[in-house]
Structures are given as structure tokens and as C-alpha cells.
N, C-alpha and C. Protein backbone atom coordinates (compact mmCIF):
# COMPACT_ATOMS: atom_id res chain seq x y z
N MET A 1 -9.30 -15.70 -29.01
CA MET A 1 -8.63 -15.83 -27.74
C MET A 1 -9.58 -16.48 -26.74
N LYS A 2 -9.07 -17.43 -26.03
CA LYS A 2 -9.86 -18.16 -25.05
C LYS A 2 -10.01 -17.32 -23.78
N ARG A 3 -11.25 -17.17 -23.34
CA ARG A 3 -11.51 -16.37 -22.15
C ARG A 3 -11.64 -17.25 -20.93
N ARG A 4 -11.01 -16.87 -19.85
CA ARG A 4 -11.03 -17.65 -18.62
C ARG A 4 -12.33 -17.43 -17.86
N GLN A 5 -12.84 -18.49 -17.26
CA GLN A 5 -14.01 -18.41 -16.40
C GLN A 5 -13.63 -17.67 -15.13
N ARG A 6 -14.55 -16.91 -14.62
CA ARG A 6 -14.30 -16.22 -13.34
C ARG A 6 -14.29 -17.26 -12.23
N ASN A 7 -13.33 -17.12 -11.36
CA ASN A 7 -13.21 -18.03 -10.23
C ASN A 7 -13.47 -17.24 -8.96
N SER A 8 -14.58 -17.53 -8.30
CA SER A 8 -14.96 -16.74 -7.12
C SER A 8 -13.95 -16.89 -5.98
N THR A 9 -13.20 -17.98 -5.95
CA THR A 9 -12.19 -18.15 -4.89
C THR A 9 -11.13 -17.05 -4.98
N PHE A 10 -10.70 -16.75 -6.20
CA PHE A 10 -9.69 -15.70 -6.36
C PHE A 10 -10.26 -14.33 -6.06
N GLU A 11 -11.53 -14.12 -6.39
CA GLU A 11 -12.17 -12.85 -6.07
C GLU A 11 -12.26 -12.66 -4.56
N ILE A 12 -12.58 -13.74 -3.84
CA ILE A 12 -12.65 -13.67 -2.38
C ILE A 12 -11.26 -13.42 -1.79
N MET A 13 -10.24 -14.04 -2.38
CA MET A 13 -8.87 -13.80 -1.91
C MET A 13 -8.47 -12.34 -2.11
N LYS A 14 -8.87 -11.75 -3.23
CA LYS A 14 -8.58 -10.33 -3.46
C LYS A 14 -9.32 -9.46 -2.44
N LEU A 15 -10.56 -9.81 -2.15
CA LEU A 15 -11.34 -9.07 -1.16
C LEU A 15 -10.68 -9.18 0.22
N MET A 16 -10.22 -10.37 0.57
CA MET A 16 -9.53 -10.55 1.85
C MET A 16 -8.26 -9.71 1.89
N ALA A 17 -7.53 -9.66 0.79
CA ALA A 17 -6.31 -8.87 0.73
C ALA A 17 -6.61 -7.39 0.96
N VAL A 18 -7.66 -6.90 0.33
CA VAL A 18 -8.04 -5.49 0.51
C VAL A 18 -8.42 -5.22 1.96
N LEU A 19 -9.17 -6.13 2.57
CA LEU A 19 -9.55 -5.94 3.98
C LEU A 19 -8.32 -5.95 4.90
N LEU A 20 -7.37 -6.82 4.63
CA LEU A 20 -6.14 -6.85 5.43
C LEU A 20 -5.38 -5.53 5.32
N ILE A 21 -5.33 -4.99 4.12
CA ILE A 21 -4.64 -3.71 3.91
C ILE A 21 -5.37 -2.59 4.65
N ILE A 22 -6.70 -2.62 4.63
CA ILE A 22 -7.48 -1.60 5.35
C ILE A 22 -7.24 -1.71 6.85
N TYR A 23 -7.21 -2.94 7.39
CA TYR A 23 -6.94 -3.11 8.83
C TYR A 23 -5.59 -2.52 9.19
N SER A 24 -4.59 -2.76 8.36
CA SER A 24 -3.26 -2.24 8.65
C SER A 24 -3.25 -0.72 8.59
N SER A 25 -3.95 -0.16 7.62
CA SER A 25 -3.96 1.30 7.45
C SER A 25 -4.74 1.99 8.57
N ALA A 26 -5.71 1.30 9.14
CA ALA A 26 -6.53 1.90 10.20
C ALA A 26 -5.81 1.96 11.54
N LEU A 27 -4.74 1.19 11.69
CA LEU A 27 -4.01 1.17 12.96
C LEU A 27 -3.21 2.46 13.12
N PRO A 28 -3.43 3.21 14.18
CA PRO A 28 -2.70 4.48 14.37
C PRO A 28 -1.31 4.26 14.94
N TYR A 29 -0.38 3.79 14.13
CA TYR A 29 0.99 3.58 14.60
C TYR A 29 1.89 4.62 13.95
N GLY A 30 3.03 4.80 14.52
CA GLY A 30 4.00 5.74 13.96
C GLY A 30 3.83 7.13 14.52
N ALA A 31 4.69 8.01 14.10
CA ALA A 31 4.70 9.38 14.61
C ALA A 31 3.85 10.28 13.70
N THR A 32 3.38 11.37 14.25
CA THR A 32 2.64 12.36 13.47
C THR A 32 3.57 13.52 13.14
N TYR A 33 3.35 14.12 12.00
CA TYR A 33 4.18 15.23 11.54
C TYR A 33 3.39 16.51 11.74
N VAL A 34 3.82 17.34 12.70
CA VAL A 34 3.10 18.56 13.02
C VAL A 34 4.08 19.73 13.05
N ARG A 35 3.77 20.75 12.27
CA ARG A 35 4.56 21.99 12.25
C ARG A 35 6.06 21.76 12.11
N GLY A 36 6.44 20.94 11.16
CA GLY A 36 7.85 20.76 10.86
C GLY A 36 8.62 19.80 11.74
N ARG A 37 7.93 19.10 12.66
CA ARG A 37 8.63 18.12 13.49
C ARG A 37 7.70 16.96 13.79
N TYR A 38 8.29 15.87 14.22
CA TYR A 38 7.51 14.68 14.54
C TYR A 38 7.06 14.70 15.99
N ASP A 39 5.79 14.40 16.21
CA ASP A 39 5.23 14.37 17.56
C ASP A 39 5.18 12.94 18.08
N ASP A 40 4.35 12.77 19.09
CA ASP A 40 4.24 11.48 19.78
C ASP A 40 3.82 10.34 18.85
N ILE A 41 4.16 9.16 19.27
CA ILE A 41 3.75 7.95 18.57
C ILE A 41 2.43 7.51 19.17
N PHE A 42 1.43 7.24 18.31
CA PHE A 42 0.13 6.79 18.79
C PHE A 42 0.23 5.41 19.43
N VAL A 43 0.68 4.44 18.64
CA VAL A 43 0.84 3.08 19.13
C VAL A 43 2.28 2.69 18.88
N ASN A 44 3.02 2.46 19.93
CA ASN A 44 4.43 2.11 19.79
C ASN A 44 4.55 0.60 19.66
N LEU A 45 4.80 0.13 18.44
CA LEU A 45 4.90 -1.30 18.20
C LEU A 45 6.27 -1.87 18.56
N ASN A 46 7.18 -1.02 19.00
CA ASN A 46 8.50 -1.49 19.41
C ASN A 46 8.53 -1.97 20.85
N LEU A 47 7.45 -1.76 21.57
CA LEU A 47 7.38 -2.24 22.95
C LEU A 47 7.35 -3.77 22.96
N THR A 48 7.93 -4.34 23.97
CA THR A 48 7.97 -5.81 24.04
C THR A 48 7.05 -6.35 25.12
N GLN A 49 5.97 -5.64 25.36
CA GLN A 49 5.01 -6.13 26.35
C GLN A 49 4.29 -7.35 25.80
N PHE A 50 3.92 -8.23 26.68
CA PHE A 50 3.13 -9.39 26.28
C PHE A 50 1.71 -9.16 26.74
N SER A 51 0.98 -8.35 25.97
CA SER A 51 -0.41 -8.07 26.30
C SER A 51 -1.26 -8.36 25.07
N ALA A 52 -2.53 -8.59 25.31
CA ALA A 52 -3.44 -8.89 24.20
C ALA A 52 -3.51 -7.72 23.23
N THR A 53 -3.53 -6.51 23.76
CA THR A 53 -3.59 -5.32 22.91
C THR A 53 -2.37 -5.23 22.00
N GLN A 54 -1.19 -5.43 22.56
CA GLN A 54 0.05 -5.35 21.78
C GLN A 54 0.08 -6.44 20.69
N ILE A 55 -0.39 -7.62 21.02
CA ILE A 55 -0.41 -8.72 20.04
C ILE A 55 -1.38 -8.40 18.91
N ILE A 56 -2.56 -7.88 19.23
CA ILE A 56 -3.55 -7.53 18.21
C ILE A 56 -3.03 -6.41 17.33
N PHE A 57 -2.42 -5.37 17.95
CA PHE A 57 -1.88 -4.26 17.16
C PHE A 57 -0.75 -4.74 16.25
N SER A 58 0.10 -5.61 16.75
CA SER A 58 1.18 -6.13 15.91
C SER A 58 0.63 -6.95 14.75
N PHE A 59 -0.40 -7.75 15.02
CA PHE A 59 -1.03 -8.53 13.96
C PHE A 59 -1.63 -7.62 12.90
N PHE A 60 -2.36 -6.57 13.33
CA PHE A 60 -2.94 -5.64 12.37
C PHE A 60 -1.88 -4.92 11.56
N ARG A 61 -0.74 -4.63 12.18
CA ARG A 61 0.35 -3.96 11.48
C ARG A 61 0.87 -4.84 10.34
N TRP A 62 0.98 -6.12 10.58
CA TRP A 62 1.49 -7.04 9.56
C TRP A 62 0.44 -7.40 8.52
N CYS A 63 -0.82 -7.11 8.78
CA CYS A 63 -1.88 -7.40 7.81
C CYS A 63 -1.64 -6.67 6.49
N GLY A 64 -1.06 -5.49 6.54
CA GLY A 64 -0.80 -4.73 5.31
C GLY A 64 0.16 -5.45 4.39
N GLN A 65 1.26 -5.95 4.94
CA GLN A 65 2.24 -6.67 4.12
C GLN A 65 1.66 -7.98 3.59
N ILE A 66 0.92 -8.66 4.44
CA ILE A 66 0.29 -9.92 4.01
C ILE A 66 -0.73 -9.63 2.90
N GLY A 67 -1.54 -8.60 3.08
CA GLY A 67 -2.54 -8.24 2.08
C GLY A 67 -1.91 -7.81 0.76
N ASP A 68 -0.83 -7.01 0.82
CA ASP A 68 -0.13 -6.60 -0.41
C ASP A 68 0.37 -7.81 -1.17
N THR A 69 1.03 -8.72 -0.47
CA THR A 69 1.59 -9.91 -1.11
C THR A 69 0.50 -10.78 -1.72
N LEU A 70 -0.58 -10.97 -0.98
CA LEU A 70 -1.70 -11.77 -1.46
C LEU A 70 -2.33 -11.14 -2.71
N PHE A 71 -2.54 -9.84 -2.68
CA PHE A 71 -3.15 -9.15 -3.81
C PHE A 71 -2.27 -9.25 -5.06
N ILE A 72 -0.97 -9.06 -4.89
CA ILE A 72 -0.04 -9.15 -6.02
C ILE A 72 0.00 -10.57 -6.58
N ALA A 73 -0.01 -11.56 -5.70
CA ALA A 73 0.04 -12.95 -6.15
C ALA A 73 -1.21 -13.32 -6.94
N VAL A 74 -2.37 -12.93 -6.45
CA VAL A 74 -3.62 -13.25 -7.16
C VAL A 74 -3.67 -12.50 -8.49
N SER A 75 -3.26 -11.24 -8.51
CA SER A 75 -3.25 -10.48 -9.76
C SER A 75 -2.27 -11.08 -10.76
N ALA A 76 -1.12 -11.53 -10.29
CA ALA A 76 -0.12 -12.14 -11.17
C ALA A 76 -0.65 -13.44 -11.75
N TYR A 77 -1.44 -14.16 -11.01
CA TYR A 77 -2.02 -15.41 -11.51
C TYR A 77 -2.84 -15.15 -12.77
N PHE A 78 -3.63 -14.09 -12.74
CA PHE A 78 -4.45 -13.76 -13.91
C PHE A 78 -3.60 -13.25 -15.06
N LEU A 79 -2.55 -12.51 -14.76
CA LEU A 79 -1.69 -11.98 -15.83
C LEU A 79 -0.87 -13.07 -16.49
N CYS A 80 -0.49 -14.10 -15.75
CA CYS A 80 0.35 -15.17 -16.30
C CYS A 80 -0.38 -16.02 -17.32
N ASP A 81 -1.69 -16.03 -17.27
CA ASP A 81 -2.45 -16.88 -18.17
C ASP A 81 -2.66 -16.23 -19.54
N ASP A 82 -2.43 -14.92 -19.64
CA ASP A 82 -2.58 -14.25 -20.93
C ASP A 82 -1.49 -14.71 -21.88
N GLU A 83 -1.89 -15.03 -23.11
CA GLU A 83 -0.92 -15.46 -24.11
C GLU A 83 -0.33 -14.27 -24.85
N LYS A 84 -1.03 -13.16 -24.85
CA LYS A 84 -0.57 -11.97 -25.56
C LYS A 84 -0.02 -10.97 -24.55
N ILE A 85 1.14 -10.42 -24.86
CA ILE A 85 1.75 -9.42 -24.00
C ILE A 85 1.25 -8.05 -24.43
N LYS A 86 0.70 -7.32 -23.49
CA LYS A 86 0.19 -5.98 -23.77
C LYS A 86 1.11 -4.97 -23.09
N LEU A 87 1.86 -4.24 -23.88
CA LEU A 87 2.79 -3.24 -23.36
C LEU A 87 2.06 -2.04 -22.78
N GLU A 88 0.80 -1.87 -23.20
CA GLU A 88 0.02 -0.73 -22.75
C GLU A 88 -0.23 -0.75 -21.23
N LYS A 89 -0.45 -1.94 -20.66
CA LYS A 89 -0.77 -2.05 -19.24
C LYS A 89 0.36 -1.53 -18.33
N PRO A 90 1.60 -2.03 -18.47
CA PRO A 90 2.64 -1.51 -17.57
C PRO A 90 2.94 -0.03 -17.80
N ILE A 91 2.81 0.44 -19.04
CA ILE A 91 3.05 1.86 -19.30
C ILE A 91 2.00 2.70 -18.59
N ARG A 92 0.74 2.26 -18.66
CA ARG A 92 -0.33 3.00 -17.95
C ARG A 92 -0.12 2.97 -16.45
N MET A 93 0.35 1.83 -15.93
CA MET A 93 0.59 1.73 -14.48
C MET A 93 1.68 2.71 -14.05
N VAL A 94 2.75 2.83 -14.83
CA VAL A 94 3.84 3.77 -14.50
C VAL A 94 3.33 5.20 -14.57
N ILE A 95 2.56 5.52 -15.60
CA ILE A 95 2.02 6.88 -15.73
C ILE A 95 1.06 7.20 -14.59
N ASP A 96 0.17 6.27 -14.26
CA ASP A 96 -0.76 6.47 -13.15
C ASP A 96 -0.02 6.68 -11.84
N THR A 97 1.02 5.88 -11.61
CA THR A 97 1.81 6.01 -10.39
C THR A 97 2.47 7.38 -10.32
N TRP A 98 3.01 7.84 -11.45
CA TRP A 98 3.68 9.14 -11.47
C TRP A 98 2.68 10.26 -11.22
N VAL A 99 1.51 10.20 -11.87
CA VAL A 99 0.51 11.25 -11.70
C VAL A 99 0.04 11.32 -10.25
N LEU A 100 -0.26 10.17 -9.65
CA LEU A 100 -0.70 10.16 -8.24
C LEU A 100 0.39 10.66 -7.31
N SER A 101 1.64 10.33 -7.60
CA SER A 101 2.74 10.78 -6.77
C SER A 101 2.90 12.30 -6.85
N VAL A 102 2.76 12.86 -8.03
CA VAL A 102 2.86 14.31 -8.20
C VAL A 102 1.68 15.01 -7.52
N ILE A 103 0.49 14.44 -7.64
CA ILE A 103 -0.67 15.01 -6.94
C ILE A 103 -0.44 14.99 -5.43
N GLY A 104 0.10 13.89 -4.91
CA GLY A 104 0.42 13.81 -3.49
C GLY A 104 1.47 14.83 -3.09
N LEU A 105 2.46 15.05 -3.96
CA LEU A 105 3.50 16.06 -3.67
C LEU A 105 2.91 17.45 -3.62
N ILE A 106 2.03 17.76 -4.56
CA ILE A 106 1.38 19.08 -4.56
C ILE A 106 0.55 19.24 -3.28
N GLY A 107 -0.17 18.20 -2.90
CA GLY A 107 -0.94 18.26 -1.66
C GLY A 107 -0.06 18.41 -0.44
N ALA A 108 1.13 17.81 -0.48
CA ALA A 108 2.05 17.89 0.66
C ALA A 108 2.53 19.32 0.87
N PHE A 109 2.65 20.10 -0.21
CA PHE A 109 3.12 21.48 -0.07
C PHE A 109 2.15 22.33 0.73
N PHE A 110 0.88 21.93 0.82
CA PHE A 110 -0.09 22.68 1.60
C PHE A 110 0.06 22.44 3.11
N PHE A 111 0.64 21.29 3.49
CA PHE A 111 0.70 20.91 4.89
C PHE A 111 2.10 20.87 5.48
N MET A 112 3.13 20.82 4.63
CA MET A 112 4.49 20.70 5.14
C MET A 112 5.45 21.21 4.07
N VAL A 113 6.72 21.23 4.42
CA VAL A 113 7.76 21.61 3.47
C VAL A 113 8.59 20.36 3.20
N PRO A 114 8.32 19.69 2.05
CA PRO A 114 9.07 18.47 1.76
C PRO A 114 10.55 18.76 1.50
N SER A 115 11.39 17.83 1.89
CA SER A 115 12.82 17.97 1.63
C SER A 115 13.10 17.70 0.15
N ILE A 116 14.29 18.04 -0.28
CA ILE A 116 14.69 17.80 -1.67
C ILE A 116 14.62 16.30 -1.98
N LYS A 117 15.04 15.47 -1.03
CA LYS A 117 15.01 14.02 -1.22
C LYS A 117 13.58 13.53 -1.43
N GLU A 118 12.63 14.06 -0.64
CA GLU A 118 11.23 13.67 -0.78
C GLU A 118 10.65 14.13 -2.12
N ILE A 119 11.06 15.31 -2.57
CA ILE A 119 10.58 15.83 -3.84
C ILE A 119 11.08 14.95 -4.99
N ILE A 120 12.36 14.59 -4.93
CA ILE A 120 12.94 13.73 -5.99
C ILE A 120 12.25 12.37 -6.00
N LYS A 121 12.02 11.81 -4.82
CA LYS A 121 11.32 10.50 -4.75
C LYS A 121 9.91 10.60 -5.30
N SER A 122 9.25 11.74 -5.09
CA SER A 122 7.90 11.92 -5.60
C SER A 122 7.88 12.10 -7.12
N LEU A 123 8.91 12.72 -7.66
CA LEU A 123 8.98 12.93 -9.11
C LEU A 123 9.45 11.68 -9.85
N MET A 124 10.10 10.77 -9.14
CA MET A 124 10.54 9.51 -9.74
C MET A 124 10.10 8.34 -8.85
N PRO A 125 8.79 8.08 -8.74
CA PRO A 125 8.31 7.07 -7.80
C PRO A 125 8.63 5.64 -8.22
N VAL A 126 8.76 5.40 -9.50
CA VAL A 126 8.97 4.03 -9.98
C VAL A 126 10.44 3.75 -10.02
């Protein structure tokens, strides 16, 4: 089997994607869940103010979607070049996703009472 040379451009693109996702995750937007109800919103991105802060926060919010798309596209590029189909990879991905989702559900029981809908979504994440 012919092995592909590492291309540093794609590695840098993956690194950029990860940084964009981190920027998006670091932005304190949305409501907080405290004692069975939702509290104040840290950063309300629904405001239509034209300020530098609002523009920067909106940009950081969209960095997550841009980073996800970029990361998937670069990863797919490497997968498309394989001549052999390995069924083991997608099966492991589904199992890993399920295990992490169940671990998150167990952790959620310590801090809140998940609804039946949330429990079902956690048990069937894929």
C-alpha cells in the first residue's frame, strides 16, 4: 500500500480548526442552568447593537461552526485517499461516541435532573 507524504499545510489547517473551536467554546454565551431552571445569559448574541464587542463576540461564536467544518473537510481529505475500506473505524467512532455520551449522562445526574428526552438522546447519540 502506498503511503502518503505528510503535508504540513493540512496539519496547520487542522490546528487552525481546533483553535477556532476553542475560541467559540471560550465565549460565555447562552443561559446557565442552576437549580432546575435557566438563569441569566452571559453574552446575549441576539442583540442588534453595532459595537466592536458585539461584532467580536459574534465572530467568536461562529468560529466553532467554521472550525468544525474545516476539521471535517481536512479529515475527509485523508480518508478519501485510502483505497481500502476499514469498517473498524466507523464502528469504533460510534462506540466511542456512545460511551462518552453515557459518561456525560452519568455526570449530569450529579448536577441536574435530565428529562426523559435528554436521557434518550444521550443513550442514542448517533
